[in-house]
Amino acid sequence: MVPDELTRALIDETTLDDISESYRPVVEIIGIEKFIELSEYAKGDELYFPKTENIIAPARNRRIKKEWNGSKEILRLIEQVNQKYGNTIIMVTHNDAIKNMADRVVKLRDGQIRKNYLNESKVAADDLDW
């Protein structure tokens, strides 16, 4: 199997510390690339290698965390535009923490407004925690 671009990047970001201790001696000898290649073929009863997605999971998790931090940068920009120009900004999200930076919160469920209230304890984008 030829890895897609994202999987290829995550393989490149995978370090020896990401590998389970029981497999590290093998990886130290053959390298991460070969270990992942073998994991695609060695699926029999006599030999077991973890799936590629499990091998690269720590690198994927680091990337996701980095992207979440990037999301805060976007929220800071939205906040600055709102403060500077007074624009009305409508944001739709499943991230419940973001509602804390809004002046007004409107919650929908099944296409119906379930809650509509003014946020009396507004939080700055930098202070959001998720």
C-alpha atoms as a PDB file:
ATOM      1  CA  MET A   1       0.000   0.000   0.000  1.00  0.00           C
ATOM      2  CA  VAL A   2       1.309   3.428  -0.934  1.00  0.00           C
ATOM      3  CA  PRO A   3       0.606   5.892   1.881  1.00  0.00           C
ATOM      4  CA  ASP A   4      -1.342   9.060   1.121  1.00  0.00           C
ATOM      5  CA  GLU A   5       0.294  12.454   1.612  1.00  0.00           C
ATOM      6  CA  LEU A   6      -0.886  12.921   5.211  1.00  0.00           C
ATOM      7  CA  THR A   7       0.132   9.404   6.254  1.00  0.00           C
ATOM      8  CA  ARG A   8       3.529   9.949   4.595  1.00  0.00           C
ATOM      9  CA  ALA A   9       4.001  13.197   6.578  1.00  0.00           C
ATOM     10  CA  LEU A  10       2.968  11.507   9.839  1.00  0.00           C
ATOM     11  CA  ILE A  11       5.396   8.646   9.191  1.00  0.00           C
ATOM     12  CA  ASP A  12       8.140  11.242   8.719  1.00  0.00           C
ATOM     13  CA  GLU A  13       7.161  12.892  12.035  1.00  0.00           C
ATOM     14  CA  THR A  14       7.112   9.594  13.961  1.00  0.00           C
ATOM     15  CA  THR A  15      10.033   9.177  16.350  1.00  0.00           C
ATOM     16  CA  LEU A  16      11.461   6.195  18.204  1.00  0.00           C
ATOM     17  CA  ASP A  17       9.816   7.509  21.403  1.00  0.00           C
ATOM     18  CA  ASP A  18       6.436   7.102  19.665  1.00  0.00           C
ATOM     19  CA  ILE A  19       7.000   3.375  19.204  1.00  0.00           C
ATOM     20  CA  SER A  20       5.829   0.926  21.871  1.00  0.00           C
ATOM     21  CA  GLU A  21       8.749  -0.201  24.024  1.00  0.00           C
ATOM     22  CA  SER A  22       8.261  -3.822  23.005  1.00  0.00           C
ATOM     23  CA  TYR A  23       8.923  -2.927  19.345  1.00  0.00           C
ATOM     24  CA  ARG A  24      11.746  -0.397  19.845  1.00  0.00           C
ATOM     25  CA  PRO A  25      14.629  -2.916  19.558  1.00  0.00           C
ATOM     26  CA  VAL A  26      13.300  -3.990  16.147  1.00  0.00           C
ATOM     27  CA  VAL A  27      12.732  -0.398  15.013  1.00  0.00           C
ATOM     28  CA  GLU A  28      16.242   0.597  16.120  1.00  0.00           C
ATOM     29  CA  ILE A  29      17.632  -2.073  13.797  1.00  0.00           C
ATOM     30  CA  ILE A  30      15.383  -1.726  10.733  1.00  0.00           C
ATOM     31  CA  GLY A  31      14.090   1.851  11.071  1.00  0.00           C
ATOM     32  CA  ILE A  32      10.570   3.247  11.258  1.00  0.00           C
ATOM     33  CA  GLU A  33      10.018   3.154   7.472  1.00  0.00           C
ATOM     34  CA  LYS A  34      10.749  -0.575   7.198  1.00  0.00           C
ATOM     35  CA  PHE A  35       8.805  -1.319  10.391  1.00  0.00           C
ATOM     36  CA  ILE A  36       5.720   0.356   8.934  1.00  0.00           C
ATOM     37  CA  GLU A  37       6.223  -1.425   5.621  1.00  0.00           C
ATOM     38  CA  LEU A  38       6.401  -4.770   7.421  1.00  0.00           C
ATOM     39  CA  SER A  39       3.317  -3.902   9.469  1.00  0.00           C
ATOM     40  CA  GLU A  40       1.332  -3.859   6.214  1.00  0.00           C
ATOM     41  CA  TYR A  41       2.370  -7.423   5.330  1.00  0.00           C
ATOM     42  CA  ALA A  42       2.890  -9.267   8.625  1.00  0.00           C
ATOM     43  CA  LYS A  43      -0.663 -10.024   9.693  1.00  0.00           C
ATOM     44  CA  GLY A  44      -0.457 -13.766  10.245  1.00  0.00           C
ATOM     45  CA  ASP A  45      -0.673 -15.807  13.440  1.00  0.00           C
ATOM     46  CA  GLU A  46       3.072 -16.343  13.508  1.00  0.00           C
ATOM     47  CA  LEU A  47       4.059 -12.649  13.445  1.00  0.00           C
ATOM     48  CA  TYR A  48       2.247  -9.550  14.596  1.00  0.00           C
ATOM     49  CA  PHE A  49       3.040  -5.928  13.862  1.00  0.00           C
ATOM     50  CA  PRO A  50       0.773  -3.059  14.906  1.00  0.00           C
ATOM     51  CA  LYS A  51      -1.283  -1.307  12.238  1.00  0.00           C
ATOM     52  CA  THR A  52       0.248   1.753  10.587  1.00  0.00           C
ATOM     53  CA  GLU A  53      -2.424   4.034  12.056  1.00  0.00           C
ATOM     54  CA  ASN A  54      -1.447   2.889  15.558  1.00  0.00           C
ATOM     55  CA  ILE A  55       2.247   3.429  14.885  1.00  0.00           C
ATOM     56  CA  ILE A  56       1.742   7.015  13.685  1.00  0.00           C
ATOM     57  CA  ALA A  57      -0.946   7.916  16.255  1.00  0.00           C
ATOM     58  CA  PRO A  58       1.388   9.943  18.540  1.00  0.00           C
ATOM     59  CA  ALA A  59       2.565  12.058  15.573  1.00  0.00           C
ATOM     60  CA  ARG A  60      -1.073  12.544  14.520  1.00  0.00           C
ATOM     61  CA  ASN A  61      -2.006  13.629  18.051  1.00  0.00           C
ATOM     62  CA  ARG A  62       0.838  16.167  18.145  1.00  0.00           C
ATOM     63  CA  ARG A  63      -0.338  17.568  14.810  1.00  0.00           C
ATOM     64  CA  ILE A  64      -3.944  17.844  16.020  1.00  0.00           C
ATOM     65  CA  LYS A  65      -2.812  19.701  19.136  1.00  0.00           C
ATOM     66  CA  LYS A  66      -0.797  22.083  16.965  1.00  0.00           C
ATOM     67  CA  GLU A  67      -3.868  22.661  14.754  1.00  0.00           C
ATOM     68  CA  TRP A  68      -6.025  23.390  17.819  1.00  0.00           C
ATOM     69  CA  ASN A  69      -3.489  26.003  18.862  1.00  0.00           C
ATOM     70  CA  GLY A  70      -3.824  27.456  15.363  1.00  0.00           C
ATOM     71  CA  SER A  71      -7.583  27.623  15.919  1.00  0.00           C
ATOM     72  CA  LYS A  72      -6.989  29.904  18.895  1.00  0.00           C
ATOM     73  CA  GLU A  73      -5.017  32.236  16.624  1.00  0.00           C
ATOM     74  CA  ILE A  74      -8.031  32.442  14.323  1.00  0.00           C
ATOM     75  CA  LEU A  75     -10.320  33.113  17.283  1.00  0.00           C
ATOM     76  CA  ARG A  76      -7.964  35.914  18.402  1.00  0.00           C
ATOM     77  CA  LEU A  77      -8.203  37.493  14.946  1.00  0.00           C
ATOM     78  CA  ILE A  78     -12.004  37.256  14.977  1.00  0.00           C
ATOM     79  CA  GLU A  79     -12.023  38.831  18.437  1.00  0.00           C
ATOM     80  CA  GLN A  80      -9.739  41.684  17.305  1.00  0.00           C
ATOM     81  CA  VAL A  81     -11.875  42.418  14.227  1.00  0.00           C
ATOM     82  CA  ASN A  82     -14.991  42.477  16.390  1.00  0.00           C
ATOM     83  CA  GLN A  83     -13.414  44.811  18.939  1.00  0.00           C
ATOM     84  CA  LYS A  84     -11.856  47.147  16.382  1.00  0.00           C
ATOM     85  CA  TYR A  85     -14.723  47.435  13.888  1.00  0.00           C
ATOM     86  CA  GLY A  86     -17.734  46.313  15.926  1.00  0.00           C
ATOM     87  CA  ASN A  87     -18.713  43.786  13.254  1.00  0.00           C
ATOM     88  CA  THR A  88     -21.393  41.253  13.982  1.00  0.00           C
ATOM     89  CA  ILE A  89     -19.865  37.811  13.685  1.00  0.00           C
ATOM     90  CA  ILE A  90     -21.931  34.669  13.472  1.00  0.00           C
ATOM     91  CA  MET A  91     -19.969  31.567  14.348  1.00  0.00           C
ATOM     92  CA  VAL A  92     -21.277  28.022  14.103  1.00  0.00           C
ATOM     93  CA  THR A  93     -19.356  25.408  16.078  1.00  0.00           C
ATOM     94  CA  HIS A  94     -19.624  22.156  17.959  1.00  0.00           C
ATOM     95  CA  ASN A  95     -16.885  23.324  20.342  1.00  0.00           C
ATOM     96  CA  ASP A  96     -18.841  24.333  23.430  1.00  0.00           C
ATOM     97  CA  ALA A  97     -15.931  26.329  24.897  1.00  0.00           C
ATOM     98  CA  ILE A  98     -16.067  28.899  22.086  1.00  0.00           C
ATOM     99  CA  LYS A  99     -19.490  30.122  23.199  1.00  0.00           C
ATOM    100  CA  ASN A 100     -17.733  31.702  26.190  1.00  0.00           C
ATOM    101  CA  MET A 101     -16.233  34.432  23.985  1.00  0.00           C
ATOM    102  CA  ALA A 102     -19.578  35.395  22.419  1.00  0.00           C
ATOM    103  CA  ASP A 103     -21.805  38.337  23.342  1.00  0.00           C
ATOM    104  CA  ARG A 104     -24.900  36.279  22.531  1.00  0.00           C
ATOM    105  CA  VAL A 105     -25.314  32.503  22.387  1.00  0.00           C
ATOM    106  CA  VAL A 106     -28.009  30.825  20.322  1.00  0.00           C
ATOM    107  CA  LYS A 107     -28.189  27.038  20.676  1.00  0.00           C
ATOM    108  CA  LEU A 108     -29.943  25.005  18.018  1.00  0.00           C
ATOM    109  CA  ARG A 109     -31.133  21.433  18.070  1.00  0.00           C
ATOM    110  CA  ASP A 110     -32.969  19.699  15.251  1.00  0.00           C
ATOM    111  CA  GLY A 111     -33.239  23.054  13.471  1.00  0.00           C
ATOM    112  CA  GLN A 112     -35.020  24.707  16.410  1.00  0.00           C
ATOM    113  CA  ILE A 113     -33.718  27.423  18.723  1.00  0.00           C
ATOM    114  CA  ARG A 114     -33.359  25.812  22.152  1.00  0.00           C
ATOM    115  CA  LYS A 115     -31.525  28.622  23.982  1.00  0.00           C
ATOM    116  CA  ASN A 116     -30.945  32.277  23.206  1.00  0.00           C
ATOM    117  CA  TYR A 117     -29.171  34.353  25.830  1.00  0.00           C
ATOM    118  CA  LEU A 118     -26.682  37.145  26.434  1.00  0.00           C
ATOM    119  CA  ASN A 119     -23.337  35.969  27.749  1.00  0.00           C
ATOM    120  CA  GLU A 120     -22.690  37.926  30.934  1.00  0.00           C
ATOM    121  CA  SER A 121     -19.246  36.457  31.622  1.00  0.00           C
ATOM    122  CA  LYS A 122     -17.448  36.840  28.306  1.00  0.00           C
ATOM    123  CA  VAL A 123     -13.977  35.253  28.074  1.00  0.00           C
ATOM    124  CA  ALA A 124     -11.110  36.376  25.822  1.00  0.00           C
ATOM    125  CA  ALA A 125      -9.984  33.974  23.088  1.00  0.00           C
ATOM    126  CA  ASP A 126      -6.625  33.531  24.810  1.00  0.00           C
ATOM    127  CA  ASP A 127      -8.380  32.384  27.997  1.00  0.00           C
ATOM    128  CA  LEU A 128     -10.530  29.719  26.332  1.00  0.00           C
ATOM    129  CA  ASP A 129      -9.786  26.231  27.521  1.00  0.00           C
ATOM    130  CA  TRP A 130     -10.634  23.033  25.651  1.00  0.00           C
END
